[in-house]
Structure formats: structure tokens, C-alpha cells
């Protein structure tokens, strides 16, 4: 009798530790559904509901980084910048430059810089530039676009001299595209960072 009571007690204690037999594909599909519900809720300004849906999606699929982007947008609107940075870091931790846009690395750098951590910010900008330079040959972008993007990353890295030299060369080579190039030549880094963080 005593053994059966102990056995029942152990079952109660450790019953929740039994392996989850739920099909992983089902979880992935449910996570996508929760994520889409979260996006819809956020579009209608129901941010608390959106956060719940995003968290459910993350709980179901730990490798799913899109819900972190949704949470980051809400945190930015709420001016909860530290939480926004954590979500950005989660996107980076769950992905790599081959699976998400270089923009995610740049944005994470921007959020670090907003917090005054230029060392971390520059590390992200540098990784973005290195990756971008490596991928140029396989890119569908025109050479002028690639060169403008590289110049932009040099601007973020504080290497305006390199960026402006390239931009002036581009201005001579592509005189019909001088509006975009002039905007980059007059790039206001602080204004850009402020707009990225506060204007999200």
C-alpha cells in the first residue's frame, strides 16, 4: 500500500516530465498561425494580444525568429528600447546572415548605438559590410546599388572618407542617379538612427 502511494506521488511529481510526443511539424504550423494572429492584432493596435500570440509562437517553435521582430516593433512603439534590443538580439541568435536580411544586423547595431554601445554597434555594422562584400558577386542587385549600399555601411562605421570617395565616383559614373547619391553624401547618421528607433 505504502509503495503504491509513493508510486502515485512520484507520478504526480514527474508526470509533466514525460517526453512531448507532439509532432514538431504541428508545432511549427501552430507557431506560424499564432504569429499571423499576432501580426493582425498589432495592425489593429491590440498590442497586448499581439504579444501573447508572439510569445505562444516562440514557445511552440524556439527556432522561429519572426515573432521576435513583431515584439521588437511593439517595444519600439512603447519606447521600451532595452526590450527592443533584446528581441533584436534574439533574432540574431536564432539566425545567420544567410537566413535573414543584412538589415537585421544593421538594425541590431543601430539599437546598440542608440544605447551608447558603439563597440557592439560597429561589430554588427562590420559583419554586415563583410557579408555584403562577400555576396556581391552572387547578388541580383546592380553594381551601382551594391556600391551605394557598401558606402552606406562605411558611413555607419564612421569611415566617411571611404564612403564619400566611392559616392563621388558613382556620381560621375551615374549622373542620372545623383539624387540618391547626394542624399548619401549628406548622410546624417544621428538622424538616421533616431528615425530608425523612434520612427519604427
C-alpha atoms as a PDB file:
ATOM      1  CA  UNK A   1       0.000   0.000   0.000  1.00  0.00           C
ATOM      2  CA  UNK A   2       2.788   2.378   1.015  1.00  0.00           C
ATOM      3  CA  UNK A   3       4.661   1.659  -2.251  1.00  0.00           C
ATOM      4  CA  UNK A   4       1.592   2.363  -4.368  1.00  0.00           C
ATOM      5  CA  UNK A   5       1.111   5.719  -2.595  1.00  0.00           C
ATOM      6  CA  UNK A   6       4.762   6.612  -3.241  1.00  0.00           C
ATOM      7  CA  UNK A   7       4.418   5.493  -6.868  1.00  0.00           C
ATOM      8  CA  UNK A   8       1.301   7.663  -7.295  1.00  0.00           C
ATOM      9  CA  UNK A   9       3.078  10.612  -5.683  1.00  0.00           C
ATOM     10  CA  UNK A  10       6.107  10.175  -7.991  1.00  0.00           C
ATOM     11  CA  UNK A  11       3.805  10.036 -10.994  1.00  0.00           C
ATOM     12  CA  UNK A  12       2.210  13.313  -9.918  1.00  0.00           C
ATOM     13  CA  UNK A  13       5.612  14.923  -9.392  1.00  0.00           C
ATOM     14  CA  UNK A  14       7.264  13.786 -12.595  1.00  0.00           C
ATOM     15  CA  UNK A  15       4.270  13.317 -14.856  1.00  0.00           C
ATOM     16  CA  UNK A  16       4.970  16.646 -16.562  1.00  0.00           C
ATOM     17  CA  UNK A  17       8.489  15.450 -17.423  1.00  0.00           C
ATOM     18  CA  UNK A  18       7.324  12.797 -19.863  1.00  0.00           C
ATOM     19  CA  UNK A  19       8.628  13.384 -23.393  1.00  0.00           C
ATOM     20  CA  UNK A  20       6.489  15.594 -25.595  1.00  0.00           C
ATOM     21  CA  UNK A  21       5.170  13.393 -28.365  1.00  0.00           C
ATOM     22  CA  UNK A  22       3.546  16.280 -30.218  1.00  0.00           C
ATOM     23  CA  UNK A  23       4.572  16.314 -33.837  1.00  0.00           C
ATOM     24  CA  UNK A  24       7.200  19.023 -34.401  1.00  0.00           C
ATOM     25  CA  UNK A  25       5.631  19.932 -37.753  1.00  0.00           C
ATOM     26  CA  UNK A  26       2.319  20.566 -35.997  1.00  0.00           C
ATOM     27  CA  UNK A  27       4.067  22.889 -33.565  1.00  0.00           C
ATOM     28  CA  UNK A  28       5.737  24.753 -36.413  1.00  0.00           C
ATOM     29  CA  UNK A  29       2.392  25.186 -38.170  1.00  0.00           C
ATOM     30  CA  UNK A  30       0.673  26.330 -34.973  1.00  0.00           C
ATOM     31  CA  UNK A  31       3.540  28.753 -34.308  1.00  0.00           C
ATOM     32  CA  UNK A  32       3.025  30.318 -37.749  1.00  0.00           C
ATOM     33  CA  UNK A  33      -0.705  30.630 -37.052  1.00  0.00           C
ATOM     34  CA  UNK A  34      -0.064  32.366 -33.708  1.00  0.00           C
ATOM     35  CA  UNK A  35       2.484  34.637 -35.377  1.00  0.00           C
ATOM     36  CA  UNK A  36      -0.035  35.654 -38.059  1.00  0.00           C
ATOM     37  CA  UNK A  37      -2.667  36.321 -35.390  1.00  0.00           C
ATOM     38  CA  UNK A  38      -0.112  38.453 -33.579  1.00  0.00           C
ATOM     39  CA  UNK A  39       0.647  40.481 -36.700  1.00  0.00           C
ATOM     40  CA  UNK A  40      -3.066  41.039 -37.300  1.00  0.00           C
ATOM     41  CA  UNK A  41      -3.623  42.094 -33.688  1.00  0.00           C
ATOM     42  CA  UNK A  42      -0.691  44.509 -33.888  1.00  0.00           C
ATOM     43  CA  UNK A  43      -2.082  46.042 -37.089  1.00  0.00           C
ATOM     44  CA  UNK A  44      -5.288  46.859 -35.226  1.00  0.00           C
ATOM     45  CA  UNK A  45      -3.391  48.302 -32.255  1.00  0.00           C
ATOM     46  CA  UNK A  46      -4.135  45.339 -29.976  1.00  0.00           C
ATOM     47  CA  UNK A  47      -0.546  45.168 -28.793  1.00  0.00           C
ATOM     48  CA  UNK A  48      -1.147  43.188 -25.590  1.00  0.00           C
ATOM     49  CA  UNK A  49      -2.947  40.460 -27.547  1.00  0.00           C
ATOM     50  CA  UNK A  50      -0.234  40.549 -30.200  1.00  0.00           C
ATOM     51  CA  UNK A  51       2.442  39.998 -27.552  1.00  0.00           C
ATOM     52  CA  UNK A  52       0.585  36.955 -26.219  1.00  0.00           C
ATOM     53  CA  UNK A  53       0.334  35.478 -29.712  1.00  0.00           C
ATOM     54  CA  UNK A  54       4.015  36.176 -30.442  1.00  0.00           C
ATOM     55  CA  UNK A  55       5.050  34.542 -27.157  1.00  0.00           C
ATOM     56  CA  UNK A  56       2.895  31.485 -27.944  1.00  0.00           C
ATOM     57  CA  UNK A  57       4.546  31.213 -31.348  1.00  0.00           C
ATOM     58  CA  UNK A  58       8.022  31.353 -29.784  1.00  0.00           C
ATOM     59  CA  UNK A  59       7.015  28.787 -27.158  1.00  0.00           C
ATOM     60  CA  UNK A  60       5.879  26.361 -29.852  1.00  0.00           C
ATOM     61  CA  UNK A  61       8.883  26.829 -32.125  1.00  0.00           C
ATOM     62  CA  UNK A  62      12.055  28.011 -30.397  1.00  0.00           C
ATOM     63  CA  UNK A  63      13.849  28.475 -33.736  1.00  0.00           C
ATOM     64  CA  UNK A  64      11.178  30.844 -35.136  1.00  0.00           C
ATOM     65  CA  UNK A  65      12.637  34.358 -35.120  1.00  0.00           C
ATOM     66  CA  UNK A  66       9.857  36.308 -36.881  1.00  0.00           C
ATOM     67  CA  UNK A  67       7.766  36.737 -33.687  1.00  0.00           C
ATOM     68  CA  UNK A  68      10.755  38.500 -32.102  1.00  0.00           C
ATOM     69  CA  UNK A  69      10.560  41.070 -34.895  1.00  0.00           C
ATOM     70  CA  UNK A  70       6.883  41.627 -34.099  1.00  0.00           C
ATOM     71  CA  UNK A  71       7.663  42.061 -30.405  1.00  0.00           C
ATOM     72  CA  UNK A  72      10.520  44.441 -31.214  1.00  0.00           C
ATOM     73  CA  UNK A  73       8.181  46.695 -33.211  1.00  0.00           C
ATOM     74  CA  UNK A  74       5.757  46.880 -30.294  1.00  0.00           C
ATOM     75  CA  UNK A  75       8.543  47.615 -27.813  1.00  0.00           C
ATOM     76  CA  UNK A  76       9.828  50.388 -30.068  1.00  0.00           C
ATOM     77  CA  UNK A  77       6.361  51.949 -30.256  1.00  0.00           C
ATOM     78  CA  UNK A  78       6.209  51.775 -26.453  1.00  0.00           C
ATOM     79  CA  UNK A  79       9.718  53.308 -26.240  1.00  0.00           C
ATOM     80  CA  UNK A  80      10.910  50.233 -24.345  1.00  0.00           C
ATOM     81  CA  UNK A  81      14.257  50.306 -26.112  1.00  0.00           C
ATOM     82  CA  UNK A  82      16.060  47.820 -23.902  1.00  0.00           C
ATOM     83  CA  UNK A  83      13.387  45.189 -24.550  1.00  0.00           C
ATOM     84  CA  UNK A  84      13.504  46.018 -28.270  1.00  0.00           C
ATOM     85  CA  UNK A  85      17.250  45.369 -28.263  1.00  0.00           C
ATOM     86  CA  UNK A  86      16.738  42.013 -26.509  1.00  0.00           C
ATOM     87  CA  UNK A  87      14.296  40.960 -29.214  1.00  0.00           C
ATOM     88  CA  UNK A  88      16.727  42.072 -31.915  1.00  0.00           C
ATOM     89  CA  UNK A  89      19.463  40.019 -30.264  1.00  0.00           C
ATOM     90  CA  UNK A  90      17.099  37.020 -30.212  1.00  0.00           C
ATOM     91  CA  UNK A  91      16.617  37.324 -33.974  1.00  0.00           C
ATOM     92  CA  UNK A  92      20.393  37.334 -34.433  1.00  0.00           C
ATOM     93  CA  UNK A  93      20.859  34.381 -32.041  1.00  0.00           C
ATOM     94  CA  UNK A  94      18.301  32.280 -33.953  1.00  0.00           C
ATOM     95  CA  UNK A  95      19.532  33.093 -37.447  1.00  0.00           C
ATOM     96  CA  UNK A  96      22.561  33.967 -39.505  1.00  0.00           C
ATOM     97  CA  UNK A  97      23.302  36.388 -42.308  1.00  0.00           C
ATOM     98  CA  UNK A  98      22.383  33.732 -44.875  1.00  0.00           C
ATOM     99  CA  UNK A  99      18.874  33.284 -43.493  1.00  0.00           C
ATOM    100  CA  UNK A 100      17.796  36.849 -42.703  1.00  0.00           C
ATOM    101  CA  UNK A 101      18.346  40.215 -44.288  1.00  0.00           C
ATOM    102  CA  UNK A 102      21.565  42.110 -43.593  1.00  0.00           C
ATOM    103  CA  UNK A 103      19.111  44.756 -42.367  1.00  0.00           C
ATOM    104  CA  UNK A 104      18.616  42.764 -39.144  1.00  0.00           C
ATOM    105  CA  UNK A 105      22.317  43.027 -38.355  1.00  0.00           C
ATOM    106  CA  UNK A 106      22.291  46.746 -39.174  1.00  0.00           C
ATOM    107  CA  UNK A 107      19.170  47.335 -37.073  1.00  0.00           C
ATOM    108  CA  UNK A 108      20.677  45.500 -34.098  1.00  0.00           C
ATOM    109  CA  UNK A 109      23.769  47.673 -34.477  1.00  0.00           C
ATOM    110  CA  UNK A 110      21.582  50.787 -34.572  1.00  0.00           C
ATOM    111  CA  UNK A 111      19.823  49.747 -31.340  1.00  0.00           C
ATOM    112  CA  UNK A 112      23.189  49.173 -29.656  1.00  0.00           C
ATOM    113  CA  UNK A 113      24.363  52.583 -30.805  1.00  0.00           C
ATOM    114  CA  UNK A 114      21.138  54.143 -29.506  1.00  0.00           C
ATOM    115  CA  UNK A 115      22.067  52.661 -26.124  1.00  0.00           C
ATOM    116  CA  UNK A 116      25.543  54.194 -26.386  1.00  0.00           C
ATOM    117  CA  UNK A 117      27.312  50.882 -27.049  1.00  0.00           C
ATOM    118  CA  UNK A 118      29.272  51.821 -30.164  1.00  0.00           C
ATOM    119  CA  UNK A 119      31.653  48.853 -29.850  1.00  0.00           C
ATOM    120  CA  UNK A 120      28.810  46.341 -30.266  1.00  0.00           C
ATOM    121  CA  UNK A 121      27.155  48.546 -32.889  1.00  0.00           C
ATOM    122  CA  UNK A 122      30.307  48.703 -35.000  1.00  0.00           C
ATOM    123  CA  UNK A 123      30.768  44.938 -34.703  1.00  0.00           C
ATOM    124  CA  UNK A 124      27.328  44.461 -36.298  1.00  0.00           C
ATOM    125  CA  UNK A 125      27.994  47.072 -38.993  1.00  0.00           C
ATOM    126  CA  UNK A 126      31.357  45.456 -39.781  1.00  0.00           C
ATOM    127  CA  UNK A 127      29.823  41.972 -40.031  1.00  0.00           C
ATOM    128  CA  UNK A 128      27.123  43.383 -42.315  1.00  0.00           C
ATOM    129  CA  UNK A 129      29.705  45.024 -44.567  1.00  0.00           C
ATOM    130  CA  UNK A 130      31.937  41.923 -44.684  1.00  0.00           C
ATOM    131  CA  UNK A 131      28.991  39.701 -45.546  1.00  0.00           C
ATOM    132  CA  UNK A 132      27.672  42.176 -48.113  1.00  0.00           C
ATOM    133  CA  UNK A 133      31.073  42.419 -49.806  1.00  0.00           C
ATOM    134  CA  UNK A 134      31.353  38.608 -49.931  1.00  0.00           C
ATOM    135  CA  UNK A 135      27.907  38.233 -51.518  1.00  0.00           C
ATOM    136  CA  UNK A 136      28.275  40.927 -54.179  1.00  0.00           C
ATOM    137  CA  UNK A 137      29.131  38.513 -56.990  1.00  0.00           C
ATOM    138  CA  UNK A 138      26.009  36.406 -56.356  1.00  0.00           C
ATOM    139  CA  UNK A 139      23.705  39.378 -55.885  1.00  0.00           C
ATOM    140  CA  UNK A 140      20.870  40.324 -58.238  1.00  0.00           C
ATOM    141  CA  UNK A 141      21.466  43.998 -57.443  1.00  0.00           C
ATOM    142  CA  UNK A 142      23.129  46.237 -59.981  1.00  0.00           C
ATOM    143  CA  UNK A 143      26.745  47.195 -59.339  1.00  0.00           C
ATOM    144  CA  UNK A 144      25.756  50.815 -58.647  1.00  0.00           C
ATOM    145  CA  UNK A 145      23.269  49.696 -55.949  1.00  0.00           C
ATOM    146  CA  UNK A 146      25.876  47.416 -54.378  1.00  0.00           C
ATOM    147  CA  UNK A 147      28.407  50.211 -54.255  1.00  0.00           C
ATOM    148  CA  UNK A 148      25.865  52.615 -52.717  1.00  0.00           C
ATOM    149  CA  UNK A 149      24.961  50.054 -50.056  1.00  0.00           C
ATOM    150  CA  UNK A 150      28.630  49.481 -49.230  1.00  0.00           C
ATOM    151  CA  UNK A 151      29.145  53.249 -48.981  1.00  0.00           C
ATOM    152  CA  UNK A 152      26.167  53.457 -46.603  1.00  0.00           C
ATOM    153  CA  UNK A 153      27.718  50.794 -44.353  1.00  0.00           C
ATOM    154  CA  UNK A 154      31.032  52.659 -44.379  1.00  0.00           C
ATOM    155  CA  UNK A 155      29.097  55.758 -43.256  1.00  0.00           C
ATOM    156  CA  UNK A 156      27.650  53.816 -40.312  1.00  0.00           C
ATOM    157  CA  UNK A 157      31.170  52.675 -39.438  1.00  0.00           C
ATOM    158  CA  UNK A 158      32.299  56.300 -39.337  1.00  0.00           C
ATOM    159  CA  UNK A 159      34.508  55.918 -42.410  1.00  0.00           C
ATOM    160  CA  UNK A 160      33.023  58.864 -44.287  1.00  0.00           C
ATOM    161  CA  UNK A 161      36.181  59.436 -46.339  1.00  0.00           C
ATOM    162  CA  UNK A 162      35.982  55.963 -47.941  1.00  0.00           C
ATOM    163  CA  UNK A 163      32.226  56.288 -48.424  1.00  0.00           C
ATOM    164  CA  UNK A 164      32.345  59.765 -49.963  1.00  0.00           C
ATOM    165  CA  UNK A 165      35.153  58.851 -52.347  1.00  0.00           C
ATOM    166  CA  UNK A 166      33.086  55.946 -53.651  1.00  0.00           C
ATOM    167  CA  UNK A 167      29.937  58.082 -53.842  1.00  0.00           C
ATOM    168  CA  UNK A 168      31.692  60.833 -55.808  1.00  0.00           C
ATOM    169  CA  UNK A 169      32.966  58.196 -58.246  1.00  0.00           C
ATOM    170  CA  UNK A 170      29.404  56.887 -58.573  1.00  0.00           C
ATOM    171  CA  UNK A 171      28.098  60.417 -59.142  1.00  0.00           C
ATOM    172  CA  UNK A 172      30.480  60.800 -62.103  1.00  0.00           C
ATOM    173  CA  UNK A 173      29.637  57.358 -63.490  1.00  0.00           C
ATOM    174  CA  UNK A 174      25.849  57.611 -62.981  1.00  0.00           C
ATOM    175  CA  UNK A 175      24.920  61.305 -63.386  1.00  0.00           C
ATOM    176  CA  UNK A 176      21.195  60.462 -63.762  1.00  0.00           C
ATOM    177  CA  UNK A 177      21.192  58.859 -60.307  1.00  0.00           C
ATOM    178  CA  UNK A 178      22.687  61.835 -58.491  1.00  0.00           C
ATOM    179  CA  UNK A 179      19.688  62.452 -56.162  1.00  0.00           C
ATOM    180  CA  UNK A 180      20.188  59.181 -54.237  1.00  0.00           C
ATOM    181  CA  UNK A 181      23.931  59.648 -54.253  1.00  0.00           C
ATOM    182  CA  UNK A 182      23.681  63.241 -52.954  1.00  0.00           C
ATOM    183  CA  UNK A 183      21.449  62.050 -50.117  1.00  0.00           C
ATOM    184  CA  UNK A 184      24.105  59.540 -49.122  1.00  0.00           C
ATOM    185  CA  UNK A 185      26.889  62.114 -49.416  1.00  0.00           C
ATOM    186  CA  UNK A 186      24.912  64.303 -46.970  1.00  0.00           C
ATOM    187  CA  UNK A 187      24.039  61.314 -44.765  1.00  0.00           C
ATOM    188  CA  UNK A 188      23.095  62.300 -41.202  1.00  0.00           C
ATOM    189  CA  UNK A 189      23.938  59.266 -39.109  1.00  0.00           C
ATOM    190  CA  UNK A 190      22.325  60.550 -35.917  1.00  0.00           C
ATOM    191  CA  UNK A 191      19.135  61.489 -37.802  1.00  0.00           C
ATOM    192  CA  UNK A 192      19.074  58.054 -39.425  1.00  0.00           C
ATOM    193  CA  UNK A 193      19.471  56.229 -36.090  1.00  0.00           C
ATOM    194  CA  UNK A 194      16.826  58.412 -34.429  1.00  0.00           C
ATOM    195  CA  UNK A 195      14.392  57.768 -37.287  1.00  0.00           C
ATOM    196  CA  UNK A 196      15.059  54.019 -37.240  1.00  0.00           C
ATOM    197  CA  UNK A 197      14.427  53.751 -33.498  1.00  0.00           C
ATOM    198  CA  UNK A 198      11.737  56.361 -32.879  1.00  0.00           C
ATOM    199  CA  UNK A 199      10.059  56.184 -36.261  1.00  0.00           C
ATOM    200  CA  UNK A 200       9.615  52.392 -36.307  1.00  0.00           C
END
